[in-house]
């Protein structure tokens, strides 16, 4: 992996651009943003020390690194759709996961991490295409006017059905509500 990535993580830590301290006033979840004037990436999350937290941090640092490497482009070229945003973050997760697997101290630890990797891959294979198609359909329908929560649920159900037909036992019509990606966009 490019050494610039590890240097970037050090830079994030040294400059205090990662806010991971537990705080009762913080909302749950994690996200990455950037300061518009300086294009400085910032990561927010709550760290409790779990492996899940490590993967979340890796995910958000992937977003941050993506923002960092494009910071010198003209501003209009630094915007990218949510459908592309997850590429860098998932890549960063895979780097960390591969490292953890290579350093596993026992067969059980290695198997547990491999299981997590398979679970993550399965979620990506199932969720990402549906999320993409849902978002695409949303933007198409949004041109016709505002959508209600029920419209979102119907659109989510239609998208699951289009992708998986009757293979899934039950599609979650509220899946869209569990993903901030769909509710933080200014559309």
Protein backbone atom coordinates (compact mmCIF):
# COMPACT_ATOMS: atom_id res chain seq x y z
CA UNK A 1 0.00 0.00 0.00
CA UNK A 2 1.17 3.50 -0.72
CA UNK A 3 3.20 4.86 2.26
CA UNK A 4 1.40 8.17 1.79
CA UNK A 5 -1.65 6.56 3.40
CA UNK A 6 0.13 5.78 6.68
CA UNK A 7 1.72 9.25 6.70
CA UNK A 8 -1.73 10.71 6.18
CA UNK A 9 -3.12 8.82 9.20
CA UNK A 10 -0.23 10.15 11.32
CA UNK A 11 -1.03 13.66 10.07
CA UNK A 12 -4.69 13.21 11.02
CA UNK A 13 -3.71 12.12 14.55
CA UNK A 14 -0.99 14.75 15.07
CA UNK A 15 -3.24 17.59 13.95
CA UNK A 16 -6.21 16.45 16.01
CA UNK A 17 -8.35 15.93 12.92
CA UNK A 18 -9.90 12.80 14.44
CA UNK A 19 -12.47 13.33 17.18
CA UNK A 20 -13.04 9.88 18.64
CA UNK A 21 -13.28 10.62 22.36
CA UNK A 22 -16.47 9.38 24.01
CA UNK A 23 -18.82 12.22 24.89
CA UNK A 24 -22.39 12.12 26.15
CA UNK A 25 -23.31 14.97 23.78
CA UNK A 26 -22.12 13.20 20.65
CA UNK A 27 -24.58 11.57 18.33
CA UNK A 28 -24.09 7.92 17.44
CA UNK A 29 -22.38 6.87 14.27
CA UNK A 30 -19.32 8.07 12.48
CA UNK A 31 -18.67 10.34 9.57
CA UNK A 32 -16.03 12.25 7.70
CA UNK A 33 -16.35 15.81 6.52
CA UNK A 34 -13.99 18.46 5.21
CA UNK A 35 -13.55 22.14 5.92
CA UNK A 36 -14.46 23.97 2.73
CA UNK A 37 -11.82 26.73 2.88
CA UNK A 38 -8.82 24.54 3.71
CA UNK A 39 -10.24 21.22 2.51
CA UNK A 40 -8.99 19.69 5.73
CA UNK A 41 -10.66 16.31 6.35
CA UNK A 42 -12.15 15.68 9.79
CA UNK A 43 -13.31 12.36 11.24
CA UNK A 44 -15.91 12.10 13.99
CA UNK A 45 -16.80 8.93 15.85
CA UNK A 46 -16.92 7.49 19.35
CA UNK A 47 -14.06 5.09 20.12
CA UNK A 48 -14.63 2.33 22.65
CA UNK A 49 -11.71 0.14 21.61
CA UNK A 50 -13.55 -2.67 19.82
CA UNK A 51 -12.49 -4.22 16.53
CA UNK A 52 -15.72 -2.85 15.10
CA UNK A 53 -14.56 0.64 16.10
CA UNK A 54 -11.24 0.00 14.38
CA UNK A 55 -13.04 -0.93 11.17
CA UNK A 56 -15.27 2.14 11.47
CA UNK A 57 -12.21 4.34 11.94
CA UNK A 58 -10.54 2.72 8.92
CA UNK A 59 -13.72 3.33 6.91
CA UNK A 60 -13.86 7.02 7.82
CA UNK A 61 -10.12 7.46 7.27
CA UNK A 62 -10.66 6.03 3.80
CA UNK A 63 -13.11 8.84 3.13
CA UNK A 64 -10.68 11.34 4.65
CA UNK A 65 -7.78 10.12 2.52
CA UNK A 66 -9.93 10.33 -0.59
CA UNK A 67 -10.72 13.96 0.26
CA UNK A 68 -7.04 14.60 1.01
CA UNK A 69 -5.70 13.35 -2.31
CA UNK A 70 -8.18 15.45 -4.31
CA UNK A 71 -7.83 18.60 -2.20
CA UNK A 72 -5.76 20.48 -4.80
CA UNK A 73 -8.23 19.95 -7.61
CA UNK A 74 -10.58 22.78 -8.52
CA UNK A 75 -13.44 22.75 -6.01
CA UNK A 76 -16.00 21.69 -8.61
CA UNK A 77 -13.93 18.54 -9.26
CA UNK A 78 -13.86 17.51 -5.60
CA UNK A 79 -17.54 16.67 -5.37
CA UNK A 80 -18.45 13.07 -6.00
CA UNK A 81 -21.68 11.10 -5.65
CA UNK A 82 -22.43 8.88 -2.67
CA UNK A 83 -22.29 5.96 -5.09
CA UNK A 84 -18.54 6.57 -5.48
CA UNK A 85 -17.79 7.67 -1.92
CA UNK A 86 -17.75 4.18 -0.46
CA UNK A 87 -14.97 2.91 -2.73
CA UNK A 88 -12.10 4.53 -0.80
CA UNK A 89 -13.62 3.72 2.58
CA UNK A 90 -14.14 0.04 1.80
CA UNK A 91 -10.61 -0.12 0.40
CA UNK A 92 -9.27 1.24 3.71
CA UNK A 93 -11.33 -1.32 5.65
CA UNK A 94 -9.85 -4.10 3.52
CA UNK A 95 -6.30 -2.89 4.18
CA UNK A 96 -6.86 -2.97 7.94
CA UNK A 97 -8.71 -6.28 7.84
CA UNK A 98 -5.95 -7.91 5.77
CA UNK A 99 -3.35 -6.65 8.24
CA UNK A 100 -5.31 -7.99 11.22
CA UNK A 101 -5.70 -11.38 9.55
CA UNK A 102 -1.98 -11.55 8.78
CA UNK A 103 -1.15 -10.74 12.44
CA UNK A 104 -3.73 -13.05 14.04
CA UNK A 105 -2.21 -14.89 16.99
CA UNK A 106 -4.44 -17.94 16.87
CA UNK A 107 -6.39 -19.95 14.36
CA UNK A 108 -9.62 -18.96 16.12
CA UNK A 109 -8.76 -15.25 15.84
CA UNK A 110 -7.94 -15.67 12.17
CA UNK A 111 -11.18 -17.57 11.52
CA UNK A 112 -13.19 -14.93 13.37
CA UNK A 113 -11.65 -12.16 11.26
CA UNK A 114 -12.16 -14.14 8.06
CA UNK A 115 -15.80 -14.61 9.03
CA UNK A 116 -16.10 -10.84 9.57
CA UNK A 117 -14.53 -10.28 6.15
CA UNK A 118 -17.00 -12.65 4.49
CA UNK A 119 -19.92 -11.05 6.33
CA UNK A 120 -18.76 -7.62 5.22
CA UNK A 121 -18.36 -8.77 1.62
CA UNK A 122 -21.81 -10.33 1.65
CA UNK A 123 -23.36 -7.14 3.00
CA UNK A 124 -21.63 -5.17 0.26
CA UNK A 125 -22.72 -7.56 -2.47
CA UNK A 126 -26.32 -7.44 -1.28
CA UNK A 127 -26.63 -3.86 -0.04
CA UNK A 128 -24.52 -1.70 -2.31
CA UNK A 129 -26.33 -2.45 -5.60
CA UNK A 130 -29.69 -1.88 -3.92
CA UNK A 131 -28.47 1.35 -2.32
CA UNK A 132 -27.19 2.59 -5.67
CA UNK A 133 -30.41 1.77 -7.51
CA UNK A 134 -32.51 3.25 -4.70
CA UNK A 135 -30.54 6.49 -4.79
CA UNK A 136 -30.71 6.65 -8.58
CA UNK A 137 -34.48 6.06 -8.54
CA UNK A 138 -34.87 8.62 -5.76
CA UNK A 139 -33.18 11.34 -7.80
CA UNK A 140 -35.34 10.49 -10.80
CA UNK A 141 -38.54 10.67 -8.75
CA UNK A 142 -37.39 13.73 -6.81
CA UNK A 143 -37.52 15.72 -10.04
CA UNK A 144 -41.28 15.24 -9.98
CA UNK A 145 -41.62 16.69 -6.46
CA UNK A 146 -41.06 15.96 -2.80
CA UNK A 147 -41.31 12.42 -1.46
CA UNK A 148 -42.93 11.30 1.77
CA UNK A 149 -41.57 8.67 4.14
CA UNK A 150 -44.09 6.24 2.63
CA UNK A 151 -42.78 7.07 -0.85
CA UNK A 152 -39.30 6.22 0.40
CA UNK A 153 -40.54 2.92 1.84
CA UNK A 154 -42.31 2.03 -1.40
CA UNK A 155 -39.25 2.93 -3.44
CA UNK A 156 -37.03 0.86 -1.15
CA UNK A 157 -39.34 -2.15 -1.42
CA UNK A 158 -39.49 -1.79 -5.21
CA UNK A 159 -35.70 -1.63 -5.40
CA UNK A 160 -35.23 -4.77 -3.27
CA UNK A 161 -37.82 -6.53 -5.43
CA UNK A 162 -36.16 -5.42 -8.67
CA UNK A 163 -32.80 -6.76 -7.52
CA UNK A 164 -33.72 -9.90 -5.66
CA UNK A 165 -37.27 -10.83 -6.62
CA UNK A 166 -38.66 -13.46 -4.28
CA UNK A 167 -35.22 -14.74 -3.21
CA UNK A 168 -35.28 -12.63 -0.06
CA UNK A 169 -37.67 -13.72 2.64
CA UNK A 170 -38.51 -10.13 3.54
CA UNK A 171 -37.20 -6.79 2.31
CA UNK A 172 -36.86 -4.00 4.84
CA UNK A 173 -38.82 -1.02 3.50
CA UNK A 174 -37.15 1.19 6.14
CA UNK A 175 -33.59 0.26 5.14
CA UNK A 176 -33.21 3.76 3.67
CA UNK A 177 -33.86 5.28 7.11
CA UNK A 178 -30.95 3.37 8.66
CA UNK A 179 -28.44 4.97 6.28
CA UNK A 180 -27.51 8.59 6.88
CA UNK A 181 -26.25 8.69 3.30
CA UNK A 182 -29.86 9.07 2.19
CA UNK A 183 -30.92 11.69 4.71
CA UNK A 184 -27.90 14.02 4.88
CA UNK A 185 -27.91 14.95 1.21
CA UNK A 186 -29.27 18.40 0.51
CA UNK A 187 -31.82 17.45 -2.12
